[in-house]
Amino acid sequence: MSELRWHPFLEEWVITATHRQERTFLPPPDYCPLCPTKPGGFPTEVPKDHYDIVVFENKFPSLQRVPPPPEVEGSAISPVQPAQGVCEVVLYSPEHSGALATMPVPRIERLIRVWQDRYEELGATAGIKYVLIFENKGEEVGVTLHHPHGQIYAFPYIPPKIEKELAASKKYFTQHRKCLFCATLEEEYRDGRRIVFEGERFVAFLPFFARYPYEVYLAPKRHLSSMAEFTPEDRRDLALVLKGLLLKYDSLFNFPLPYLMAVHQAPTDGADYPDYHLHFEFYPPHRTAQKLKYLAGCETGAGTYINDTMAEEKAAELRGVGPQTIAELKQEG
């Protein structure tokens, strides 16, 4: 069963998808459904003995191209709609033990081209208003398959967090005739203490208003609203900065750092969003090597985050580990 239920107090949709309870949970490496299908082995999601990067529709989707009718009847207060949309899985590599941080820069470039392609194709699909590209890495954030992969959700509506960003961006642009994110970047550069890593075209920084100790935004320096505007040079520099940031994360505590990564970009509802700025958001759950940040009463119950660290200090920690310059990564080709 999969349907959309309206939350009247928050004025946002909740996806109910009961069939996802049956999805695969932490299988052993030799039974990974995301690895290539080996001759004589059990069939996986990829019926080939090798692949580069693969995209396929999720077997346990929250949103479906042809959704079933809702199983319950809504009301005037809480209407119900079919959960129409698309959920895709993106396999980064055939190697089961790899990770985005350890992949060669050219492979990351190809992955970014795949992201760009899926954003454009899914965004052009009738009824799709927003395309969210994201990755969950690590059991600490609920990952059930360790094979390096990400996901893409194509929504029939604009998700609430994006709606808030869009409203803030439009308000600032109306008042100042300037992009809010571009203005934020200018402030970050003027201060300088929270810049973590940068290339010629992209920069990673720990925002002044960070809610997690090691939360990082990664964004183009020039104003881009979506991946549809990427040039080959953009993809190349993004691959370098993305890899550099992830290597810093892994060097922080000397183990692969879990994280949530979400790409925020312009909706695909046919409207223009000249005031919105593409960016990646990273939320690592660790606050120390041994301690996780849990969303407790104030955060989950009230929506107000409490960060018990200083953004400037955490940014300095990240700057001090891993690659220091883009030049160190360019040697990969």
Protein backbone atom coordinates (compact mmCIF):
# COMPACT_ATOMS: atom_id res chain seq x y z
CA MET A 1 0.00 0.00 0.00
CA SER A 2 1.26 3.44 -0.93
CA GLU A 3 -0.61 6.73 -0.62
CA LEU A 4 -0.24 10.40 0.32
CA ARG A 5 -1.94 11.59 3.51
CA TRP A 6 -2.30 15.32 4.24
CA HIS A 7 -0.98 16.63 7.57
CA PRO A 8 -3.36 19.54 8.25
CA PHE A 9 -1.33 21.11 11.08
CA LEU A 10 1.95 21.28 9.13
CA GLU A 11 0.21 21.57 5.74
CA GLU A 12 2.40 18.94 4.12
CA TRP A 13 2.05 15.48 2.64
CA VAL A 14 3.07 12.31 4.49
CA ILE A 15 3.88 9.25 2.37
CA THR A 16 2.40 6.02 3.71
CA ALA A 17 4.16 3.03 2.11
CA THR A 18 3.59 -0.15 4.11
CA HIS A 19 5.18 -2.49 1.54
CA ARG A 20 8.61 -1.02 2.36
CA GLN A 21 8.63 -3.06 5.56
CA GLU A 22 9.63 -6.02 3.37
CA ARG A 23 12.75 -4.43 1.82
CA THR A 24 16.11 -6.18 2.06
CA PHE A 25 17.92 -5.58 5.36
CA LEU A 26 21.74 -5.84 5.66
CA PRO A 27 22.34 -9.00 3.59
CA PRO A 28 25.80 -10.67 3.66
CA PRO A 29 28.22 -9.43 0.94
CA ASP A 30 27.88 -12.62 -1.11
CA TYR A 31 24.10 -12.05 -1.36
CA CYS A 32 24.13 -8.35 -2.10
CA PRO A 33 21.27 -7.56 -4.54
CA LEU A 34 23.20 -4.55 -5.91
CA CYS A 35 26.32 -6.41 -7.02
CA PRO A 36 26.64 -7.73 -10.61
CA THR A 37 25.06 -11.14 -11.24
CA LYS A 38 27.90 -13.66 -11.35
CA PRO A 39 27.74 -16.76 -13.58
CA GLY A 40 26.07 -19.49 -11.57
CA GLY A 41 25.30 -17.10 -8.72
CA PHE A 42 21.98 -15.88 -7.42
CA PRO A 43 20.29 -13.27 -9.63
CA THR A 44 20.72 -9.67 -8.48
CA GLU A 45 19.08 -6.40 -9.57
CA VAL A 46 21.69 -6.17 -12.36
CA PRO A 47 21.64 -9.17 -14.75
CA LYS A 48 25.21 -8.54 -15.94
CA ASP A 49 28.54 -9.85 -14.69
CA HIS A 50 29.94 -6.30 -14.75
CA TYR A 51 28.68 -2.73 -14.96
CA ASP A 52 29.87 0.85 -14.64
CA ILE A 53 27.02 2.95 -13.20
CA VAL A 54 23.46 1.63 -13.14
CA VAL A 55 20.09 3.28 -12.52
CA PHE A 56 16.90 1.27 -11.98
CA GLU A 57 13.55 1.76 -10.30
CA ASN A 58 13.37 0.82 -6.65
CA LYS A 59 11.65 -2.52 -5.91
CA PHE A 60 10.23 -1.01 -2.73
CA PRO A 61 9.25 2.49 -3.86
CA SER A 62 7.64 5.13 -1.69
CA LEU A 63 6.23 6.69 -4.88
CA GLN A 64 5.03 4.72 -7.92
CA ARG A 65 4.57 5.58 -11.59
CA VAL A 66 1.17 3.84 -11.52
CA PRO A 67 0.17 3.93 -7.86
CA PRO A 68 -2.71 1.92 -6.43
CA PRO A 69 -5.80 3.82 -5.33
CA PRO A 70 -5.71 4.86 -1.65
CA GLU A 71 -6.90 2.15 0.74
CA VAL A 72 -8.59 4.61 3.06
CA GLU A 73 -10.95 7.47 2.38
CA GLY A 74 -9.70 10.93 3.28
CA SER A 75 -11.69 13.79 4.73
CA ALA A 76 -12.03 17.52 4.21
CA ILE A 77 -9.39 18.05 6.90
CA SER A 78 -7.02 15.29 5.80
CA PRO A 79 -7.43 14.37 2.12
CA VAL A 80 -5.69 11.35 0.61
CA GLN A 81 -4.11 11.04 -2.83
CA PRO A 82 -2.35 8.27 -4.78
CA ALA A 83 1.41 8.29 -4.17
CA GLN A 84 2.38 8.96 -7.77
CA GLY A 85 6.01 9.56 -8.64
CA VAL A 86 9.25 7.71 -9.31
CA CYS A 87 11.86 6.23 -6.97
CA GLU A 88 15.18 5.20 -8.49
CA VAL A 89 18.34 3.55 -7.18
CA VAL A 90 21.74 4.67 -8.52
CA LEU A 91 24.58 2.17 -8.21
CA TYR A 92 27.87 4.05 -8.11
CA SER A 93 30.15 1.10 -8.81
CA PRO A 94 30.17 -2.69 -9.23
CA GLU A 95 32.58 -2.92 -6.27
CA HIS A 96 30.69 -3.92 -3.16
CA SER A 97 33.20 -2.54 -0.66
CA GLY A 98 33.76 0.85 -2.27
CA ALA A 99 32.47 4.28 -1.33
CA LEU A 100 32.00 7.58 -3.09
CA ALA A 101 34.99 9.02 -1.22
CA THR A 102 37.38 6.36 -2.51
CA MET A 103 36.26 6.35 -6.17
CA PRO A 104 38.45 7.84 -8.89
CA VAL A 105 37.60 11.38 -9.92
CA PRO A 106 36.59 10.33 -13.48
CA ARG A 107 34.01 7.91 -12.05
CA ILE A 108 32.58 10.65 -9.84
CA GLU A 109 32.39 12.88 -12.93
CA ARG A 110 30.38 10.21 -14.73
CA LEU A 111 28.11 9.84 -11.71
CA ILE A 112 27.44 13.60 -11.74
CA ARG A 113 26.55 13.32 -15.43
CA VAL A 114 24.10 10.53 -14.51
CA TRP A 115 22.58 12.76 -11.80
CA GLN A 116 22.22 15.54 -14.35
CA ASP A 117 20.56 13.19 -16.84
CA ARG A 118 18.09 11.83 -14.28
CA TYR A 119 17.21 15.33 -13.05
CA GLU A 120 16.45 16.42 -16.60
CA GLU A 121 14.54 13.28 -17.68
CA LEU A 122 12.53 12.77 -14.50
CA GLY A 123 11.87 16.51 -14.25
CA ALA A 124 10.37 16.44 -17.76
CA THR A 125 7.95 13.66 -16.75
CA ALA A 126 4.32 14.72 -16.52
CA GLY A 127 3.24 15.43 -12.96
CA ILE A 128 6.75 15.57 -11.48
CA LYS A 129 7.36 18.82 -9.63
CA TYR A 130 10.58 18.07 -7.76
CA VAL A 131 13.55 15.71 -8.22
CA LEU A 132 15.55 14.94 -5.07
CA ILE A 133 18.95 13.26 -5.46
CA PHE A 134 20.31 11.93 -2.17
CA GLU A 135 22.54 9.37 -0.48
CA ASN A 136 22.28 7.68 2.91
CA LYS A 137 25.66 6.31 4.01
CA GLY A 138 26.19 4.17 7.09
CA GLU A 139 24.05 2.07 9.41
CA GLU A 140 23.92 5.04 11.80
CA VAL A 141 21.57 6.80 9.37
CA GLY A 142 19.48 3.70 8.64
CA VAL A 143 21.24 2.22 5.61
CA THR A 144 20.08 -1.32 4.89
CA LEU A 145 22.44 -2.08 1.95
CA HIS A 146 26.15 -1.29 2.17
CA HIS A 147 26.88 -1.43 -1.56
CA PRO A 148 27.78 2.15 -2.67
CA HIS A 149 24.59 3.67 -4.00
CA GLY A 150 22.28 6.63 -3.81
CA GLN A 151 18.63 7.28 -4.56
CA ILE A 152 16.43 9.66 -6.52
CA TYR A 153 12.84 10.56 -5.63
CA ALA A 154 10.69 12.32 -8.22
CA PHE A 155 7.85 13.98 -6.29
CA PRO A 156 4.38 15.07 -7.48
CA TYR A 157 4.76 18.08 -5.16
CA ILE A 158 7.54 20.35 -3.86
CA PRO A 159 8.76 18.97 -0.50
CA PRO A 160 8.19 21.26 2.51
CA LYS A 161 11.85 21.99 3.26
CA ILE A 162 12.42 23.08 -0.34
CA GLU A 163 9.27 25.20 -0.21
CA LYS A 164 10.68 27.09 2.77
CA GLU A 165 13.99 27.66 0.98
CA LEU A 166 12.20 28.84 -2.13
CA ALA A 167 10.07 31.28 -0.13
CA ALA A 168 13.11 32.69 1.70
CA SER A 169 15.06 33.00 -1.55
CA LYS A 170 12.20 34.77 -3.31
CA LYS A 171 11.64 37.15 -0.38
CA TYR A 172 15.32 38.11 -0.24
CA PHE A 173 15.52 38.54 -4.02
CA THR A 174 12.44 40.77 -4.02
CA GLN A 175 13.92 42.97 -1.31
CA HIS A 176 17.55 43.07 -2.48
CA ARG A 177 17.48 42.03 -6.15
CA LYS A 178 20.13 39.44 -5.31
CA CYS A 179 20.34 35.70 -4.66
CA LEU A 180 20.20 34.86 -0.94
CA PHE A 181 22.70 32.01 -1.34
CA CYS A 182 25.13 34.19 -3.32
CA ALA A 183 24.92 36.77 -0.52
CA THR A 184 25.57 34.00 2.03
CA LEU A 185 28.64 32.88 0.07
CA GLU A 186 29.96 36.44 0.09
CA GLU A 187 29.60 36.55 3.87
CA GLU A 188 31.34 33.19 4.24
CA TYR A 189 34.27 34.38 2.12
CA ARG A 190 34.53 37.66 4.02
CA ASP A 191 34.76 35.74 7.29
CA GLY A 192 36.81 32.85 5.89
CA ARG A 193 36.83 30.72 9.03
CA ARG A 194 34.13 28.31 7.87
CA ILE A 195 35.45 27.58 4.36
CA VAL A 196 36.43 23.90 4.32
CA PHE A 197 37.56 23.11 0.77
CA GLU A 198 37.27 24.74 -2.63
CA GLY A 199 38.03 24.37 -6.30
CA GLU A 200 37.84 26.79 -9.19
CA ARG A 201 34.04 26.58 -9.49
CA PHE A 202 32.70 24.96 -6.30
CA VAL A 203 33.22 25.51 -2.60
CA ALA A 204 32.40 23.52 0.55
CA PHE A 205 31.75 25.38 3.78
CA LEU A 206 30.30 24.79 7.21
CA PRO A 207 27.50 27.36 7.38
CA PHE A 208 27.30 29.97 10.13
CA PHE A 209 23.89 28.54 11.10
CA ALA A 210 24.95 24.85 11.09
CA ARG A 211 22.56 22.59 12.99
CA TYR A 212 24.88 19.55 13.07
CA PRO A 213 28.51 19.77 14.28
CA TYR A 214 29.94 18.80 10.87
CA GLU A 215 27.13 19.92 8.58
CA VAL A 216 28.55 21.16 5.26
CA TYR A 217 27.07 22.95 2.25
CA LEU A 218 28.74 22.41 -1.14
CA ALA A 219 27.73 24.84 -3.88
CA PRO A 220 28.79 26.43 -7.16
CA LYS A 221 30.49 29.79 -6.76
CA ARG A 222 28.56 31.20 -9.71
CA HIS A 223 24.79 31.29 -9.63
CA LEU A 224 23.32 28.02 -10.92
CA SER A 225 19.74 26.95 -10.20
CA SER A 226 20.04 23.29 -11.15
CA MET A 227 22.25 20.58 -12.61
CA ALA A 228 20.67 21.22 -16.00
CA GLU A 229 23.04 24.20 -16.25
CA PHE A 230 26.22 22.14 -15.67
CA THR A 231 29.05 22.31 -18.19
CA PRO A 232 31.75 19.61 -18.44
CA GLU A 233 34.03 21.97 -16.49
CA ASP A 234 31.42 22.25 -13.74
CA ARG A 235 31.13 18.47 -13.46
CA ARG A 236 34.91 18.10 -13.31
CA ASP A 237 35.38 20.66 -10.55
CA LEU A 238 32.39 19.38 -8.58
CA ALA A 239 33.84 15.86 -8.70
CA LEU A 240 37.12 17.15 -7.25
CA VAL A 241 35.53 19.21 -4.47
CA LEU A 242 33.05 16.45 -3.62
CA LYS A 243 35.82 13.87 -3.34
CA GLY A 244 37.97 16.26 -1.32
CA LEU A 245 35.20 16.93 1.17
CA LEU A 246 34.38 13.23 1.60
CA LEU A 247 38.06 12.40 2.13
CA LYS A 248 38.15 15.05 4.82
CA TYR A 249 35.12 13.48 6.47
CA ASP A 250 36.81 10.08 6.46
CA SER A 251 40.06 11.55 7.83
CA LEU A 252 38.28 13.34 10.67
CA PHE A 253 38.02 10.33 13.01
CA ASN A 254 39.99 7.84 10.87
CA PHE A 255 36.94 5.85 9.81
CA PRO A 256 34.40 6.20 6.98
CA LEU A 257 32.08 8.88 8.31
CA PRO A 258 28.34 8.20 7.91
CA TYR A 259 26.27 11.01 6.43
CA LEU A 260 23.08 12.05 4.71
CA MET A 261 23.64 13.94 1.45
CA ALA A 262 20.82 15.82 -0.29
CA VAL A 263 20.98 17.88 -3.47
CA HIS A 264 18.74 20.94 -3.38
CA GLN A 265 17.97 22.47 -6.78
CA ALA A 266 15.18 24.19 -8.67
CA PRO A 267 11.80 22.43 -8.91
CA THR A 268 10.66 20.96 -12.22
CA ASP A 269 7.09 22.25 -12.13
CA GLY A 270 7.50 24.49 -15.17
CA ALA A 271 7.99 27.72 -13.22
CA ASP A 272 11.17 29.83 -13.28
CA TYR A 273 13.37 30.03 -10.18
CA PRO A 274 16.08 32.59 -11.01
CA ASP A 275 16.58 33.38 -7.31
CA TYR A 276 17.28 29.78 -6.21
CA HIS A 277 20.84 28.44 -5.86
CA LEU A 278 21.80 24.78 -6.33
CA HIS A 279 23.64 23.26 -3.39
CA PHE A 280 24.46 19.96 -1.68
CA GLU A 281 23.73 19.56 2.03
CA PHE A 282 25.63 17.02 4.18
CA TYR A 283 24.46 15.92 7.63
CA PRO A 284 26.93 13.60 9.40
CA PRO A 285 25.35 12.19 12.58
CA HIS A 286 28.62 12.08 14.56
CA ARG A 287 29.42 14.86 17.03
CA THR A 288 32.59 13.08 18.23
CA ALA A 289 34.29 9.85 17.19
CA GLN A 290 32.20 7.91 19.73
CA LYS A 291 29.05 10.01 20.06
CA LEU A 292 26.12 10.60 17.72
CA LYS A 293 23.85 13.62 17.58
CA TYR A 294 20.29 12.44 18.17
CA LEU A 295 17.32 14.65 17.40
CA ALA A 296 15.66 14.90 20.79
CA GLY A 297 12.61 16.71 22.19
CA CYS A 298 13.42 20.28 21.20
CA GLU A 299 14.46 19.30 17.68
CA THR A 300 11.92 16.61 16.85
CA GLY A 301 9.11 18.01 18.95
CA ALA A 302 9.54 21.72 18.22
CA GLY A 303 11.67 21.82 15.08
CA THR A 304 14.37 23.92 16.76
CA TYR A 305 17.88 22.54 16.41
CA ILE A 306 20.51 22.80 19.14
CA ASN A 307 24.16 22.66 18.04
CA ASP A 308 26.47 22.21 21.02
CA THR A 309 29.59 23.07 18.99
CA MET A 310 31.03 26.18 17.32
CA ALA A 311 30.83 26.13 13.53
CA GLU A 312 34.18 27.92 13.27
CA GLU A 313 35.94 25.28 15.38
CA LYS A 314 34.42 22.34 13.51
CA ALA A 315 35.31 23.91 10.15
CA ALA A 316 38.91 24.29 11.32
CA GLU A 317 38.97 20.59 12.23
CA LEU A 318 37.77 19.63 8.75
CA ARG A 319 40.22 22.00 7.04
CA GLY A 320 43.09 20.45 8.94
CA VAL A 321 42.52 16.88 7.78
CA GLY A 322 42.48 15.16 4.39
CA PRO A 323 43.48 16.87 1.13
CA GLN A 324 44.47 20.51 1.45
CA THR A 325 44.30 21.55 -2.20
CA ILE A 326 42.53 20.56 -5.41
CA ALA A 327 45.94 19.95 -6.96
CA GLU A 328 46.35 16.85 -4.78
CA LEU A 329 43.27 15.32 -6.40
CA LYS A 330 43.85 16.41 -9.99
CA GLN A 331 46.61 13.86 -10.36
CA GLU A 332 43.98 11.15 -10.69
CA GLY A 333 43.25 12.27 -14.26
